[in-house]
């Protein structure tokens, strides 16, 4: 199944945000889409773990109130549907998978 021009443009613009203008030379095909899906899957695992990290403590607040609010917020973040990824997770996944994208672009 080939990607239509619109889908290729969407995929290309997403990858340009991660890897820069070199993406303009890459073929936007099914294999590149699958590699991008894998990147988002890896980013999602990281984002799920980031939801478990307590947010910064504000000095002067009650530690007991802070801990109970953080526990509640962690639970709520886990219950909501995952529609977004943490930017740091996407960038880390993009960095670690760059060689895979370059191989895909080279047809390997």
PDB file of N, CA and C in Angstrom:
ATOM      1  N   UNK A   1       0.840  -1.180   0.000  1.00  0.00           N
ATOM      2  CA  UNK A   1       0.000   0.000   0.000  1.00  0.00           C
ATOM      3  C   UNK A   1       0.886   1.244   0.000  1.00  0.00           C
ATOM      4  N   UNK A   2       0.706   2.110  -0.943  1.00  0.00           N
ATOM      5  CA  UNK A   2       1.485   3.337  -1.055  1.00  0.00           C
ATOM      6  C   UNK A   2       0.787   4.473  -0.327  1.00  0.00           C
ATOM      7  N   UNK A   3       1.582   5.389   0.188  1.00  0.00           N
ATOM      8  CA  UNK A   3       1.030   6.574   0.835  1.00  0.00           C
ATOM      9  C   UNK A   3       0.644   7.587  -0.233  1.00  0.00           C
ATOM     10  N   UNK A   4      -0.504   8.249  -0.042  1.00  0.00           N
ATOM     11  CA  UNK A   4      -0.863   9.289  -1.005  1.00  0.00           C
ATOM     12  C   UNK A   4      -0.058  10.551  -0.688  1.00  0.00           C
ATOM     13  N   UNK A   5      -0.161  11.532  -1.538  1.00  0.00           N
ATOM     14  CA  UNK A   5       0.654  12.743  -1.441  1.00  0.00           C
ATOM     15  C   UNK A   5       0.385  13.479  -0.123  1.00  0.00           C
ATOM     16  N   UNK A   6      -0.854  13.529   0.305  1.00  0.00           N
ATOM     17  CA  UNK A   6      -1.196  14.204   1.557  1.00  0.00           C
ATOM     18  C   UNK A   6      -0.535  13.517   2.741  1.00  0.00           C
ATOM     19  N   UNK A   7      -0.633  12.189   2.795  1.00  0.00           N
ATOM     20  CA  UNK A   7      -0.023  11.440   3.886  1.00  0.00           C
ATOM     21  C   UNK A   7       1.499  11.582   3.871  1.00  0.00           C
ATOM     22  N   UNK A   8       2.089  11.588   2.684  1.00  0.00           N
ATOM     23  CA  UNK A   8       3.529  11.780   2.576  1.00  0.00           C
ATOM     24  C   UNK A   8       3.937  13.145   3.129  1.00  0.00           C
ATOM     25  N   UNK A   9       3.139  14.160   2.832  1.00  0.00           N
ATOM     26  CA  UNK A   9       3.430  15.515   3.325  1.00  0.00           C
ATOM     27  C   UNK A   9       3.347  15.599   4.841  1.00  0.00           C
ATOM     28  N   UNK A  10       2.349  14.951   5.430  1.00  0.00           N
ATOM     29  CA  UNK A  10       2.194  14.948   6.881  1.00  0.00           C
ATOM     30  C   UNK A  10       3.369  14.231   7.536  1.00  0.00           C
ATOM     31  N   UNK A  11       3.726  13.076   7.000  1.00  0.00           N
ATOM     32  CA  UNK A  11       4.838  12.305   7.536  1.00  0.00           C
ATOM     33  C   UNK A  11       6.147  13.096   7.407  1.00  0.00           C
ATOM     34  N   UNK A  12       6.361  13.691   6.250  1.00  0.00           N
ATOM     35  CA  UNK A  12       7.581  14.462   6.011  1.00  0.00           C
ATOM     36  C   UNK A  12       7.676  15.647   6.977  1.00  0.00           C
ATOM     37  N   UNK A  13       6.584  16.386   7.169  1.00  0.00           N
ATOM     38  CA  UNK A  13       6.637  17.556   8.053  1.00  0.00           C
ATOM     39  C   UNK A  13       6.905  17.145   9.501  1.00  0.00           C
ATOM     40  N   UNK A  14       6.381  15.998   9.935  1.00  0.00           N
ATOM     41  CA  UNK A  14       6.662  15.503  11.282  1.00  0.00           C
ATOM     42  C   UNK A  14       8.145  15.161  11.423  1.00  0.00           C
ATOM     43  N   UNK A  15       8.677  14.451  10.441  1.00  0.00           N
ATOM     44  CA  UNK A  15      10.082  14.041  10.512  1.00  0.00           C
ATOM     45  C   UNK A  15      11.046  15.218  10.374  1.00  0.00           C
ATOM     46  N   UNK A  16      10.665  16.235   9.631  1.00  0.00           N
ATOM     47  CA  UNK A  16      11.501  17.431   9.501  1.00  0.00           C
ATOM     48  C   UNK A  16      11.658  18.105  10.858  1.00  0.00           C
ATOM     49  N   UNK A  17      10.606  18.098  11.665  1.00  0.00           N
ATOM     50  CA  UNK A  17      10.688  18.696  13.004  1.00  0.00           C
ATOM     51  C   UNK A  17      11.699  17.963  13.874  1.00  0.00           C
ATOM     52  N   UNK A  18      11.907  16.689  13.610  1.00  0.00           N
ATOM     53  CA  UNK A  18      12.837  15.905  14.414  1.00  0.00           C
ATOM     54  C   UNK A  18      14.251  15.882  13.836  1.00  0.00           C
ATOM     55  N   UNK A  19      14.361  15.744  12.513  1.00  0.00           N
ATOM     56  CA  UNK A  19      15.664  15.506  11.895  1.00  0.00           C
ATOM     57  C   UNK A  19      16.141  16.626  10.972  1.00  0.00           C
ATOM     58  N   UNK A  20      15.342  17.624  10.741  1.00  0.00           N
ATOM     59  CA  UNK A  20      15.768  18.749   9.924  1.00  0.00           C
ATOM     60  C   UNK A  20      15.578  18.531   8.432  1.00  0.00           C
ATOM     61  N   UNK A  21      16.242  19.359   7.642  1.00  0.00           N
ATOM     62  CA  UNK A  21      16.016  19.388   6.195  1.00  0.00           C
ATOM     63  C   UNK A  21      16.509  18.146   5.454  1.00  0.00           C
ATOM     64  N   UNK A  22      17.342  17.323   6.093  1.00  0.00           N
ATOM     65  CA  UNK A  22      17.795  16.100   5.417  1.00  0.00           C
ATOM     66  C   UNK A  22      16.616  15.185   5.067  1.00  0.00           C
ATOM     67  N   UNK A  23      15.501  15.357   5.762  1.00  0.00           N
ATOM     68  CA  UNK A  23      14.316  14.530   5.514  1.00  0.00           C
ATOM     69  C   UNK A  23      13.770  14.759   4.109  1.00  0.00           C
ATOM     70  N   UNK A  24      14.016  15.940   3.537  1.00  0.00           N
ATOM     71  CA  UNK A  24      13.520  16.223   2.187  1.00  0.00           C
ATOM     72  C   UNK A  24      14.076  15.253   1.155  1.00  0.00           C
ATOM     73  N   UNK A  25      15.219  14.621   1.450  1.00  0.00           N
ATOM     74  CA  UNK A  25      15.818  13.657   0.524  1.00  0.00           C
ATOM     75  C   UNK A  25      15.331  12.230   0.772  1.00  0.00           C
ATOM     76  N   UNK A  26      14.614  12.015   1.865  1.00  0.00           N
ATOM     77  CA  UNK A  26      14.172  10.669   2.224  1.00  0.00           C
ATOM     78  C   UNK A  26      12.889  10.302   1.492  1.00  0.00           C
ATOM     79  N   UNK A  27      12.757   9.052   1.080  1.00  0.00           N
ATOM     80  CA  UNK A  27      11.499   8.621   0.466  1.00  0.00           C
ATOM     81  C   UNK A  27      10.429   8.447   1.537  1.00  0.00           C
ATOM     82  N   UNK A  28       9.243   8.948   1.286  1.00  0.00           N
ATOM     83  CA  UNK A  28       8.129   8.776   2.218  1.00  0.00           C
ATOM     84  C   UNK A  28       7.302   7.594   1.726  1.00  0.00           C
ATOM     85  N   UNK A  29       7.608   6.435   2.284  1.00  0.00           N
ATOM     86  CA  UNK A  29       6.939   5.210   1.864  1.00  0.00           C
ATOM     87  C   UNK A  29       6.447   4.448   3.090  1.00  0.00           C
ATOM     88  N   UNK A  30       5.922   3.270   2.857  1.00  0.00           N
ATOM     89  CA  UNK A  30       5.350   2.450   3.921  1.00  0.00           C
ATOM     90  C   UNK A  30       6.395   2.083   4.979  1.00  0.00           C
ATOM     91  N   UNK A  31       7.617   1.798   4.550  1.00  0.00           N
ATOM     92  CA  UNK A  31       8.670   1.435   5.494  1.00  0.00           C
ATOM     93  C   UNK A  31       9.025   2.615   6.392  1.00  0.00           C
ATOM     94  N   UNK A  32       9.047   3.824   5.837  1.00  0.00           N
ATOM     95  CA  UNK A  32       9.325   5.024   6.630  1.00  0.00           C
ATOM     96  C   UNK A  32       8.184   5.270   7.623  1.00  0.00           C
ATOM     97  N   UNK A  33       6.959   5.022   7.191  1.00  0.00           N
ATOM     98  CA  UNK A  33       5.808   5.156   8.080  1.00  0.00           C
ATOM     99  C   UNK A  33       5.905   4.154   9.228  1.00  0.00           C
ATOM    100  N   UNK A  34       6.295   2.930   8.941  1.00  0.00           N
ATOM    101  CA  UNK A  34       6.431   1.914   9.985  1.00  0.00           C
ATOM    102  C   UNK A  34       7.544   2.280  10.971  1.00  0.00           C
ATOM    103  N   UNK A  35       8.621   2.840  10.475  1.00  0.00           N
ATOM    104  CA  UNK A  35       9.713   3.276  11.348  1.00  0.00           C
ATOM    105  C   UNK A  35       9.246   4.419  12.245  1.00  0.00           C
ATOM    106  N   UNK A  36       8.453   5.324  11.693  1.00  0.00           N
ATOM    107  CA  UNK A  36       7.897   6.429  12.484  1.00  0.00           C
ATOM    108  C   UNK A  36       6.929   5.899  13.532  1.00  0.00           C
ATOM    109  N   UNK A  37       6.145   4.903  13.180  1.00  0.00           N
ATOM    110  CA  UNK A  37       5.237   4.282  14.151  1.00  0.00           C
ATOM    111  C   UNK A  37       6.041   3.690  15.304  1.00  0.00           C
ATOM    112  N   UNK A  38       7.146   3.036  14.999  1.00  0.00           N
ATOM    113  CA  UNK A  38       7.995   2.458  16.035  1.00  0.00           C
ATOM    114  C   UNK A  38       8.557   3.558  16.942  1.00  0.00           C
ATOM    115  N   UNK A  39       8.969   4.681  16.358  1.00  0.00           N
ATOM    116  CA  UNK A  39       9.458   5.810  17.138  1.00  0.00           C
ATOM    117  C   UNK A  39       8.379   6.285  18.111  1.00  0.00           C
ATOM    118  N   UNK A  40       7.145   6.414  17.650  1.00  0.00           N
ATOM    119  CA  UNK A  40       6.066   6.873  18.514  1.00  0.00           C
ATOM    120  C   UNK A  40       5.725   5.844  19.586  1.00  0.00           C
ATOM    121  N   UNK A  41       5.875   4.569  19.254  1.00  0.00           N
ATOM    122  CA  UNK A  41       5.650   3.512  20.237  1.00  0.00           C
ATOM    123  C   UNK A  41       6.681   3.617  21.358  1.00  0.00           C
ATOM    124  N   UNK A  42       7.941   3.818  21.000  1.00  0.00           N
ATOM    125  CA  UNK A  42       9.001   3.963  21.999  1.00  0.00           C
ATOM    126  C   UNK A  42       8.786   5.226  22.835  1.00  0.00           C
ATOM    127  N   UNK A  43       8.382   6.300  22.187  1.00  0.00           N
ATOM    128  CA  UNK A  43       8.113   7.549  22.889  1.00  0.00           C
ATOM    129  C   UNK A  43       6.945   7.390  23.859  1.00  0.00           C
ATOM    130  N   UNK A  44       5.971   6.615  23.471  1.00  0.00           N
ATOM    131  CA  UNK A  44       4.811   6.380  24.326  1.00  0.00           C
ATOM    132  C   UNK A  44       5.196   5.656  25.610  1.00  0.00           C
ATOM    133  N   UNK A  45       6.111   4.693  25.508  1.00  0.00           N
ATOM    134  CA  UNK A  45       6.568   3.983  26.706  1.00  0.00           C
ATOM    135  C   UNK A  45       7.237   4.962  27.665  1.00  0.00           C
ATOM    136  N   UNK A  46       8.056   5.834  27.127  1.00  0.00           N
ATOM    137  CA  UNK A  46       8.722   6.844  27.943  1.00  0.00           C
ATOM    138  C   UNK A  46       7.700   7.796  28.566  1.00  0.00           C
ATOM    139  N   UNK A  47       6.735   8.240  27.773  1.00  0.00           N
ATOM    140  CA  UNK A  47       5.727   9.170  28.268  1.00  0.00           C
ATOM    141  C   UNK A  47       4.884   8.543  29.377  1.00  0.00           C
ATOM    142  N   UNK A  48       4.594   7.258  29.250  1.00  0.00           N
ATOM    143  CA  UNK A  48       3.855   6.569  30.318  1.00  0.00           C
ATOM    144  C   UNK A  48       4.640   6.597  31.621  1.00  0.00           C
ATOM    145  N   UNK A  49       5.941   6.420  31.536  1.00  0.00           N
ATOM    146  CA  UNK A  49       6.772   6.462  32.739  1.00  0.00           C
ATOM    147  C   UNK A  49       6.902   7.888  33.285  1.00  0.00           C
ATOM    148  N   UNK A  50       6.948   8.878  32.398  1.00  0.00           N
ATOM    149  CA  UNK A  50       7.034  10.270  32.846  1.00  0.00           C
ATOM    150  C   UNK A  50       5.794  10.684  33.632  1.00  0.00           C
ATOM    151  N   UNK A  51       4.652  10.066  33.322  1.00  0.00           N
ATOM    152  CA  UNK A  51       3.433  10.363  34.071  1.00  0.00           C
ATOM    153  C   UNK A  51       3.569   9.973  35.536  1.00  0.00           C
ATOM    154  N   UNK A  52       4.469   9.046  35.837  1.00  0.00           N
ATOM    155  CA  UNK A  52       4.653   8.575  37.204  1.00  0.00           C
ATOM    156  C   UNK A  52       5.603   9.449  38.023  1.00  0.00           C
ATOM    157  N   UNK A  53       6.252  10.394  37.378  1.00  0.00           N
ATOM    158  CA  UNK A  53       7.223  11.247  38.065  1.00  0.00           C
ATOM    159  C   UNK A  53       6.477  12.398  38.746  1.00  0.00           C
ATOM    160  N   UNK A  54       6.680  12.559  40.060  1.00  0.00           N
ATOM    161  CA  UNK A  54       6.040  13.700  40.743  1.00  0.00           C
ATOM    162  C   UNK A  54       6.556  15.021  40.188  1.00  0.00           C
ATOM    163  N   UNK A  55       5.705  16.012  40.206  1.00  0.00           N
ATOM    164  CA  UNK A  55       6.083  17.339  39.739  1.00  0.00           C
ATOM    165  C   UNK A  55       6.857  18.059  40.844  1.00  0.00           C
ATOM    166  N   UNK A  56       7.556  19.140  40.512  1.00  0.00           N
ATOM    167  CA  UNK A  56       8.393  19.823  41.503  1.00  0.00           C
ATOM    168  C   UNK A  56       7.610  20.275  42.740  1.00  0.00           C
ATOM    169  N   UNK A  57       8.271  20.176  43.863  1.00  0.00           N
ATOM    170  CA  UNK A  57       7.702  20.585  45.148  1.00  0.00           C
ATOM    171  C   UNK A  57       7.888  22.082  45.325  1.00  0.00           C
ATOM    172  N   UNK A  58       6.839  22.756  45.760  1.00  0.00           N
ATOM    173  CA  UNK A  58       6.898  24.189  46.012  1.00  0.00           C
ATOM    174  C   UNK A  58       7.196  24.415  47.486  1.00  0.00           C
ATOM    175  N   UNK A  59       8.310  25.034  47.807  1.00  0.00           N
ATOM    176  CA  UNK A  59       8.640  25.285  49.212  1.00  0.00           C
ATOM    177  C   UNK A  59       7.541  26.095  49.896  1.00  0.00           C
ATOM    178  N   UNK A  60       7.293  25.756  51.152  1.00  0.00           N
ATOM    179  CA  UNK A  60       6.276  26.463  51.919  1.00  0.00           C
ATOM    180  C   UNK A  60       4.949  25.732  51.970  1.00  0.00           C
ATOM    181  N   UNK A  61       4.751  24.757  51.091  1.00  0.00           N
ATOM    182  CA  UNK A  61       3.518  23.974  51.107  1.00  0.00           C
ATOM    183  C   UNK A  61       3.683  22.809  52.070  1.00  0.00           C
ATOM    184  N   UNK A  62       2.575  22.324  52.555  1.00  0.00           N
ATOM    185  CA  UNK A  62       2.578  21.166  53.435  1.00  0.00           C
ATOM    186  C   UNK A  62       3.026  19.938  52.642  1.00  0.00           C
ATOM    187  N   UNK A  63       3.995  19.206  53.196  1.00  0.00           N
ATOM    188  CA  UNK A  63       4.508  18.020  52.505  1.00  0.00           C
ATOM    189  C   UNK A  63       3.434  16.957  52.367  1.00  0.00           C
ATOM    190  N   UNK A  64       2.564  16.825  53.347  1.00  0.00           N
ATOM    191  CA  UNK A  64       1.493  15.823  53.295  1.00  0.00           C
ATOM    192  C   UNK A  64       0.506  16.172  52.187  1.00  0.00           C
ATOM    193  N   UNK A  65       0.126  17.445  52.094  1.00  0.00           N
ATOM    194  CA  UNK A  65      -0.783  17.868  51.026  1.00  0.00           C
ATOM    195  C   UNK A  65      -0.130  17.681  49.658  1.00  0.00           C
ATOM    196  N   UNK A  66       1.143  18.014  49.567  1.00  0.00           N
ATOM    197  CA  UNK A  66       1.871  17.863  48.305  1.00  0.00           C
ATOM    198  C   UNK A  66       1.870  16.399  47.867  1.00  0.00           C
ATOM    199  N   UNK A  67       2.209  15.497  48.771  1.00  0.00           N
ATOM    200  CA  UNK A  67       2.274  14.073  48.429  1.00  0.00           C
ATOM    201  C   UNK A  67       0.906  13.520  48.046  1.00  0.00           C
ATOM    202  N   UNK A  68      -0.138  13.909  48.749  1.00  0.00           N
ATOM    203  CA  UNK A  68      -1.469  13.392  48.399  1.00  0.00           C
ATOM    204  C   UNK A  68      -1.922  13.946  47.049  1.00  0.00           C
ATOM    205  N   UNK A  69      -1.620  15.226  46.781  1.00  0.00           N
ATOM    206  CA  UNK A  69      -1.984  15.802  45.482  1.00  0.00           C
ATOM    207  C   UNK A  69      -1.189  15.136  44.361  1.00  0.00           C
ATOM    208  N   UNK A  70       0.096  14.886  44.581  1.00  0.00           N
ATOM    209  CA  UNK A  70       0.913  14.231  43.558  1.00  0.00           C
ATOM    210  C   UNK A  70       0.413  12.824  43.270  1.00  0.00           C
ATOM    211  N   UNK A  71       0.053  12.082  44.301  1.00  0.00           N
ATOM    212  CA  UNK A  71      -0.469  10.728  44.109  1.00  0.00           C
ATOM    213  C   UNK A  71      -1.758  10.765  43.295  1.00  0.00           C
ATOM    214  N   UNK A  72      -2.636  11.723  43.611  1.00  0.00           N
ATOM    215  CA  UNK A  72      -3.894  11.864  42.859  1.00  0.00           C
ATOM    216  C   UNK A  72      -3.610  12.250  41.413  1.00  0.00           C
ATOM    217  N   UNK A  73      -2.704  13.206  41.206  1.00  0.00           N
ATOM    218  CA  UNK A  73      -2.383  13.658  39.853  1.00  0.00           C
ATOM    219  C   UNK A  73      -1.735  12.547  39.019  1.00  0.00           C
ATOM    220  N   UNK A  74      -0.889  11.749  39.640  1.00  0.00           N
ATOM    221  CA  UNK A  74      -0.267  10.623  38.932  1.00  0.00           C
ATOM    222  C   UNK A  74      -1.341   9.652  38.470  1.00  0.00           C
ATOM    223  N   UNK A  75      -2.281   9.346  39.345  1.00  0.00           N
ATOM    224  CA  UNK A  75      -3.369   8.441  38.991  1.00  0.00           C
ATOM    225  C   UNK A  75      -4.194   9.011  37.845  1.00  0.00           C
ATOM    226  N   UNK A  76      -4.515  10.292  37.914  1.00  0.00           N
ATOM    227  CA  UNK A  76      -5.308  10.916  36.851  1.00  0.00           C
ATOM    228  C   UNK A  76      -4.557  10.921  35.524  1.00  0.00           C
ATOM    229  N   UNK A  77      -3.257  11.179  35.562  1.00  0.00           N
ATOM    230  CA  UNK A  77      -2.476  11.157  34.311  1.00  0.00           C
ATOM    231  C   UNK A  77      -2.469   9.757  33.715  1.00  0.00           C
ATOM    232  N   UNK A  78      -2.449   8.731  34.541  1.00  0.00           N
ATOM    233  CA  UNK A  78      -2.450   7.356  34.046  1.00  0.00           C
ATOM    234  C   UNK A  78      -3.811   6.963  33.475  1.00  0.00           C
ATOM    235  N   UNK A  79      -4.877   7.535  34.015  1.00  0.00           N
ATOM    236  CA  UNK A  79      -6.214   7.170  33.570  1.00  0.00           C
ATOM    237  C   UNK A  79      -6.629   7.854  32.269  1.00  0.00           C
ATOM    238  N   UNK A  80      -6.079   9.025  32.004  1.00  0.00           N
ATOM    239  CA  UNK A  80      -6.487   9.729  30.780  1.00  0.00           C
ATOM    240  C   UNK A  80      -5.924   9.026  29.551  1.00  0.00           C
ATOM    241  N   UNK A  81      -6.617   9.190  28.454  1.00  0.00           N
ATOM    242  CA  UNK A  81      -6.177   8.566  27.194  1.00  0.00           C
ATOM    243  C   UNK A  81      -4.899   9.239  26.718  1.00  0.00           C
ATOM    244  N   UNK A  82      -3.963   8.443  26.238  1.00  0.00           N
ATOM    245  CA  UNK A  82      -2.680   8.965  25.767  1.00  0.00           C
ATOM    246  C   UNK A  82      -2.878   9.554  24.372  1.00  0.00           C
ATOM    247  N   UNK A  83      -2.887  10.861  24.297  1.00  0.00           N
ATOM    248  CA  UNK A  83      -2.990  11.531  23.008  1.00  0.00           C
ATOM    249  C   UNK A  83      -1.747  12.353  22.710  1.00  0.00           C
ATOM    250  N   UNK A  84      -0.967  12.614  23.751  1.00  0.00           N
ATOM    251  CA  UNK A  84       0.216  13.432  23.572  1.00  0.00           C
ATOM    252  C   UNK A  84       1.421  12.708  24.153  1.00  0.00           C
ATOM    253  N   UNK A  85       2.583  13.087  23.671  1.00  0.00           N
ATOM    254  CA  UNK A  85       3.836  12.535  24.159  1.00  0.00           C
ATOM    255  C   UNK A  85       4.649  13.674  24.741  1.00  0.00           C
ATOM    256  N   UNK A  86       5.447  13.375  25.733  1.00  0.00           N
ATOM    257  CA  UNK A  86       6.362  14.374  26.258  1.00  0.00           C
ATOM    258  C   UNK A  86       7.423  14.649  25.195  1.00  0.00           C
ATOM    259  N   UNK A  87       7.722  15.925  24.985  1.00  0.00           N
ATOM    260  CA  UNK A  87       8.684  16.314  23.961  1.00  0.00           C
ATOM    261  C   UNK A  87      10.042  15.672  24.211  1.00  0.00           C
ATOM    262  N   UNK A  88      10.442  15.613  25.468  1.00  0.00           N
ATOM    263  CA  UNK A  88      11.734  14.999  25.774  1.00  0.00           C
ATOM    264  C   UNK A  88      11.746  13.523  25.384  1.00  0.00           C
ATOM    265  N   UNK A  89      10.611  12.850  25.500  1.00  0.00           N
ATOM    266  CA  UNK A  89      10.535  11.436  25.112  1.00  0.00           C
ATOM    267  C   UNK A  89      10.618  11.272  23.597  1.00  0.00           C
ATOM    268  N   UNK A  90       9.935  12.136  22.866  1.00  0.00           N
ATOM    269  CA  UNK A  90       9.976  12.066  21.400  1.00  0.00           C
ATOM    270  C   UNK A  90      11.385  12.347  20.904  1.00  0.00           C
ATOM    271  N   UNK A  91      12.025  13.369  21.464  1.00  0.00           N
ATOM    272  CA  UNK A  91      13.379  13.710  21.020  1.00  0.00           C
ATOM    273  C   UNK A  91      14.387  12.624  21.365  1.00  0.00           C
ATOM    274  N   UNK A  92      14.235  12.021  22.536  1.00  0.00           N
ATOM    275  CA  UNK A  92      15.136  10.935  22.920  1.00  0.00           C
ATOM    276  C   UNK A  92      14.961   9.738  21.999  1.00  0.00           C
ATOM    277  N   UNK A  93      13.703   9.391  21.712  1.00  0.00           N
ATOM    278  CA  UNK A  93      13.439   8.271  20.803  1.00  0.00           C
ATOM    279  C   UNK A  93      13.961   8.594  19.408  1.00  0.00           C
ATOM    280  N   UNK A  94      13.772   9.830  18.964  1.00  0.00           N
ATOM    281  CA  UNK A  94      14.258  10.231  17.634  1.00  0.00           C
ATOM    282  C   UNK A  94      15.783  10.133  17.568  1.00  0.00           C
ATOM    283  N   UNK A  95      16.456  10.553  18.621  1.00  0.00           N
ATOM    284  CA  UNK A  95      17.915  10.485  18.648  1.00  0.00           C
ATOM    285  C   UNK A  95      18.400   9.035  18.617  1.00  0.00           C
ATOM    286  N   UNK A  96      17.766   8.190  19.422  1.00  0.00           N
ATOM    287  CA  UNK A  96      18.226   6.803  19.493  1.00  0.00           C
ATOM    288  C   UNK A  96      17.868   5.993  18.246  1.00  0.00           C
ATOM    289  N   UNK A  97      16.876   6.442  17.492  1.00  0.00           N
ATOM    290  CA  UNK A  97      16.455   5.699  16.296  1.00  0.00           C
ATOM    291  C   UNK A  97      16.911   6.343  14.990  1.00  0.00           C
ATOM    292  N   UNK A  98      17.743   7.371  15.071  1.00  0.00           N
ATOM    293  CA  UNK A  98      18.167   8.069  13.856  1.00  0.00           C
ATOM    294  C   UNK A  98      18.823   7.112  12.866  1.00  0.00           C
ATOM    295  N   UNK A  99      19.646   6.190  13.365  1.00  0.00           N
ATOM    296  CA  UNK A  99      20.304   5.239  12.467  1.00  0.00           C
ATOM    297  C   UNK A  99      19.285   4.385  11.724  1.00  0.00           C
ATOM    298  N   UNK A 100      18.179   4.073  12.373  1.00  0.00           N
ATOM    299  CA  UNK A 100      17.134   3.264  11.731  1.00  0.00           C
ATOM    300  C   UNK A 100      16.465   4.060  10.608  1.00  0.00           C
ATOM    301  N   UNK A 101      16.246   5.356  10.831  1.00  0.00           N
ATOM    302  CA  UNK A 101      15.666   6.185   9.788  1.00  0.00           C
ATOM    303  C   UNK A 101      16.634   6.343   8.609  1.00  0.00           C
ATOM    304  N   UNK A 102      17.911   6.507   8.906  1.00  0.00           N
ATOM    305  CA  UNK A 102      18.895   6.629   7.831  1.00  0.00           C
ATOM    306  C   UNK A 102      18.987   5.332   7.019  1.00  0.00           C
ATOM    307  N   UNK A 103      18.902   4.201   7.681  1.00  0.00           N
ATOM    308  CA  UNK A 103      18.885   2.909   6.968  1.00  0.00           C
ATOM    309  C   UNK A 103      17.647   2.785   6.090  1.00  0.00           C
ATOM    310  N   UNK A 104      16.507   3.191   6.632  1.00  0.00           N
ATOM    311  CA  UNK A 104      15.256   3.142   5.864  1.00  0.00           C
ATOM    312  C   UNK A 104      15.338   4.055   4.665  1.00  0.00           C
ATOM    313  N   UNK A 105      15.886   5.252   4.855  1.00  0.00           N
ATOM    314  CA  UNK A 105      16.020   6.206   3.748  1.00  0.00           C
ATOM    315  C   UNK A 105      16.951   5.679   2.663  1.00  0.00           C
ATOM    316  N   UNK A 106      17.948   4.890   3.076  1.00  0.00           N
ATOM    317  CA  UNK A 106      18.896   4.315   2.120  1.00  0.00           C
ATOM    318  C   UNK A 106      18.360   3.051   1.453  1.00  0.00           C
ATOM    319  N   UNK A 107      17.186   2.615   1.885  1.00  0.00           N
ATOM    320  CA  UNK A 107      16.592   1.426   1.289  1.00  0.00           C
ATOM    321  C   UNK A 107      17.090   0.125   1.886  1.00  0.00           C
ATOM    322  N   UNK A 108      17.682   0.173   3.042  1.00  0.00           N
ATOM    323  CA  UNK A 108      18.208  -1.033   3.694  1.00  0.00           C
ATOM    324  C   UNK A 108      17.174  -1.669   4.600  1.00  0.00           C
TER     325      UNK A 108
END
